[in-house]
Amino acid sequence: MIIGGGRWSLLDSLYMTVITLSTVGYGEVVDISTNPAARIFTVIFIFLCLGTIAFAVTSITSFIIEGELTNILGRRRMEKEISKLKDHYIVCGSDETALTIIQELILTKRSFVVIEPLQEKIEKLSVLGNILFVHGDPTEDNVLIQAGIEKAKGILLSLPTDEANLFVMQGASILISES
């Protein structure tokens, strides 16, 4: 409307913008062949719009290809599986001792959830198979709740310090007594 000097209606201006943005290009409602400023504006506008569309498509594609969508969906599926568990074990940590415990639980076909704060260690555990895990600090109550502490049969602690193990045990016993 501004470029047309007030000669174009709001509807005409909106229509021209939409056909330009959508790259449909039905045809111009208003003849801009005699208005160089409108033509320059339209060229710049088209390039900016195409750039924006290209950026959006690239971002969405990389989001999907890089696995972010897969990670989000996988995480939700895992949370659902964990919420269905009952009489399972919770393994806190993934050091050598915890690894032995995890291997034994897999061998005896017992359900369990691993709580591990380091993503690299979780990725190393995935070599053992489809392991349910919660990425977080086991000393936090909400992480224990996410792992299903209220319905768990037991908790196996293999954290780096005795203090951390005692702290988790105390928090777990409080959460269990409250449920």
Protein backbone atom coordinates (compact mmCIF):
# COMPACT_ATOMS: atom_id res chain seq x y z
CA MET A 1 0.00 0.00 0.00
CA ILE A 2 2.84 2.38 0.83
CA ILE A 3 4.73 1.61 -2.38
CA GLY A 4 1.57 2.14 -4.42
CA GLY A 5 1.15 5.59 -2.95
CA GLY A 6 -2.30 4.78 -1.58
CA ARG A 7 -3.68 3.69 -4.96
CA TRP A 8 -3.78 0.01 -4.00
CA SER A 9 -6.33 -1.32 -1.56
CA LEU A 10 -5.43 -3.41 1.47
CA LEU A 11 -6.95 -6.47 -0.22
CA ASP A 12 -4.90 -5.97 -3.38
CA SER A 13 -1.71 -5.49 -1.39
CA LEU A 14 -2.44 -8.58 0.73
CA TYR A 15 -3.22 -10.63 -2.37
CA MET A 16 0.03 -9.59 -4.03
CA THR A 17 1.98 -10.47 -0.89
CA VAL A 18 0.38 -13.91 -0.58
CA ILE A 19 0.93 -14.88 -4.21
CA THR A 20 4.54 -13.74 -3.90
CA LEU A 21 5.17 -15.60 -0.62
CA SER A 22 3.54 -18.78 -1.80
CA THR A 23 5.42 -18.59 -5.10
CA VAL A 24 2.13 -19.27 -6.90
CA GLY A 25 2.40 -16.17 -9.05
CA TYR A 26 -1.11 -16.03 -10.57
CA GLY A 27 -0.47 -12.59 -11.87
CA GLU A 28 -0.31 -9.10 -10.59
CA VAL A 29 -3.55 -7.47 -9.59
CA VAL A 30 -1.94 -4.09 -9.83
CA ASP A 31 0.34 -3.27 -12.73
CA ILE A 32 3.75 -2.33 -11.33
CA SER A 33 5.54 -2.18 -14.68
CA THR A 34 5.58 1.62 -14.53
CA ASN A 35 6.62 1.80 -10.86
CA PRO A 36 10.38 1.02 -10.55
CA ALA A 37 10.31 1.28 -6.72
CA ALA A 38 7.56 -1.36 -6.53
CA ARG A 39 9.47 -3.66 -8.89
CA ILE A 40 12.72 -3.34 -6.88
CA PHE A 41 10.80 -3.94 -3.66
CA THR A 42 9.14 -7.03 -5.18
CA VAL A 43 12.48 -8.49 -6.30
CA ILE A 44 14.03 -7.99 -2.84
CA PHE A 45 10.87 -9.29 -1.17
CA ILE A 46 10.90 -12.46 -3.31
CA PHE A 47 14.57 -13.15 -2.48
CA LEU A 48 13.98 -12.61 1.23
CA CYS A 49 10.92 -14.88 1.20
CA LEU A 50 12.68 -17.63 -0.71
CA GLY A 51 15.63 -17.37 1.68
CA THR A 52 13.30 -17.67 4.66
CA ILE A 53 11.53 -20.68 3.16
CA ALA A 54 14.86 -22.33 2.31
CA PHE A 55 16.10 -21.74 5.86
CA ALA A 56 12.92 -23.20 7.37
CA VAL A 57 13.05 -26.30 5.17
CA THR A 58 16.76 -26.78 5.93
CA SER A 59 16.20 -26.42 9.68
CA ILE A 60 13.31 -28.90 9.73
CA THR A 61 15.26 -31.37 7.59
CA SER A 62 18.36 -31.18 9.77
CA PHE A 63 16.20 -31.57 12.88
CA ILE A 64 14.82 -34.82 11.50
CA ILE A 65 18.05 -36.10 9.96
CA GLU A 66 20.22 -35.37 12.99
CA GLY A 67 17.93 -37.56 15.04
CA GLU A 68 16.48 -34.98 17.34
CA LEU A 69 12.97 -36.07 16.46
CA THR A 70 13.99 -39.71 16.87
CA ASN A 71 15.53 -38.92 20.26
CA ILE A 72 12.40 -37.12 21.44
CA LEU A 73 10.10 -39.92 20.29
CA GLY A 74 12.45 -42.57 21.68
CA ARG A 75 12.60 -40.77 25.01
CA ARG A 76 8.79 -40.64 25.24
CA ARG A 77 8.52 -44.32 24.36
CA MET A 78 11.09 -45.15 27.03
CA GLU A 79 9.26 -43.06 29.64
CA LYS A 80 6.08 -44.95 28.80
CA GLU A 81 7.83 -48.31 29.20
CA ILE A 82 9.33 -47.24 32.53
CA SER A 83 5.93 -46.10 33.83
CA LYS A 84 4.51 -49.58 33.06
CA LEU A 85 7.20 -51.35 35.11
CA LYS A 86 6.40 -52.94 38.44
CA ASP A 87 8.70 -54.91 40.77
CA HIS A 88 11.71 -53.77 38.77
CA TYR A 89 15.18 -52.81 39.92
CA ILE A 90 16.78 -49.41 39.72
CA VAL A 91 20.53 -49.28 39.10
CA CYS A 92 22.17 -46.00 40.02
CA GLY A 93 25.48 -45.49 38.25
CA SER A 94 27.29 -47.29 35.47
CA ASP A 95 30.78 -48.02 36.73
CA GLU A 96 32.38 -51.50 36.66
CA THR A 97 30.26 -52.76 39.56
CA ALA A 98 27.05 -51.41 38.05
CA LEU A 99 27.98 -52.92 34.69
CA THR A 100 28.31 -56.34 36.31
CA ILE A 101 24.92 -55.87 37.99
CA ILE A 102 23.33 -54.77 34.71
CA GLN A 103 24.76 -57.79 32.87
CA GLU A 104 23.39 -60.10 35.58
CA LEU A 105 19.95 -58.48 35.40
CA ILE A 106 19.95 -58.92 31.61
CA LEU A 107 21.05 -62.56 31.96
CA THR A 108 18.33 -63.35 34.50
CA LYS A 109 15.75 -61.44 32.41
CA ARG A 110 14.77 -59.07 35.19
CA SER A 111 13.37 -55.66 34.43
CA PHE A 112 15.44 -52.70 35.48
CA VAL A 113 16.10 -49.02 34.89
CA VAL A 114 19.52 -47.39 34.95
CA ILE A 115 19.92 -43.86 36.31
CA GLU A 116 23.06 -42.19 34.97
CA PRO A 117 23.96 -38.49 34.86
CA LEU A 118 26.51 -38.78 32.02
CA GLN A 119 25.18 -39.20 28.47
CA GLU A 120 28.45 -40.78 27.28
CA LYS A 121 28.06 -43.63 29.78
CA ILE A 122 24.46 -44.17 28.72
CA GLU A 123 25.59 -44.46 25.10
CA LYS A 124 28.20 -47.06 26.14
CA LEU A 125 25.48 -49.06 27.93
CA SER A 126 23.37 -49.16 24.77
CA VAL A 127 25.84 -51.72 23.37
CA LEU A 128 24.39 -54.22 25.84
CA GLY A 129 20.95 -54.01 24.27
CA ASN A 130 17.70 -52.14 24.73
CA ILE A 131 18.26 -50.77 28.22
CA LEU A 132 15.75 -48.49 29.92
CA PHE A 133 17.45 -45.50 31.47
CA VAL A 134 16.82 -42.14 33.03
CA HIS A 135 19.37 -39.46 32.24
CA GLY A 136 19.77 -37.53 35.46
CA ASP A 137 21.22 -37.29 38.94
CA PRO A 138 19.98 -40.13 41.19
CA THR A 139 20.26 -37.87 44.25
CA GLU A 140 17.29 -35.86 42.94
CA ASP A 141 13.86 -37.09 44.00
CA ASN A 142 12.20 -36.36 40.64
CA VAL A 143 14.76 -38.57 38.87
CA LEU A 144 14.00 -41.46 41.25
CA ILE A 145 10.29 -40.93 40.66
CA GLN A 146 10.90 -40.95 36.89
CA ALA A 147 12.62 -44.32 37.32
CA GLY A 148 9.53 -45.64 39.14
CA ILE A 149 10.91 -45.85 42.68
CA GLU A 150 7.39 -46.21 44.12
CA LYS A 151 6.84 -49.50 42.26
CA ALA A 152 10.43 -50.80 42.31
CA LYS A 153 11.44 -54.05 43.96
CA GLY A 154 14.88 -52.74 44.85
CA ILE A 155 17.51 -50.13 44.25
CA LEU A 156 21.14 -50.98 43.52
CA LEU A 157 23.59 -48.18 44.24
CA SER A 158 26.98 -47.93 42.60
CA LEU A 159 27.75 -44.25 42.79
CA PRO A 160 31.28 -42.83 43.11
CA THR A 161 31.05 -41.97 46.84
CA ASP A 162 29.49 -43.54 49.91
CA GLU A 163 27.90 -40.19 50.71
CA ALA A 164 26.07 -40.14 47.37
CA ASN A 165 24.91 -43.74 47.89
CA LEU A 166 23.60 -42.92 51.38
CA PHE A 167 21.90 -39.75 50.16
CA VAL A 168 20.07 -41.65 47.39
CA MET A 169 19.11 -44.42 49.82
CA GLN A 170 17.67 -41.90 52.26
CA GLY A 171 15.75 -40.10 49.50
CA ALA A 172 14.45 -43.41 48.11
CA SER A 173 13.24 -44.59 51.51
CA ILE A 174 11.39 -41.29 52.08
CA LEU A 175 9.75 -41.48 48.64
CA ILE A 176 8.71 -45.10 49.19
CA SER A 177 7.25 -44.37 52.63
CA GLU A 178 5.24 -41.44 51.20
CA SER A 179 3.65 -43.55 48.45
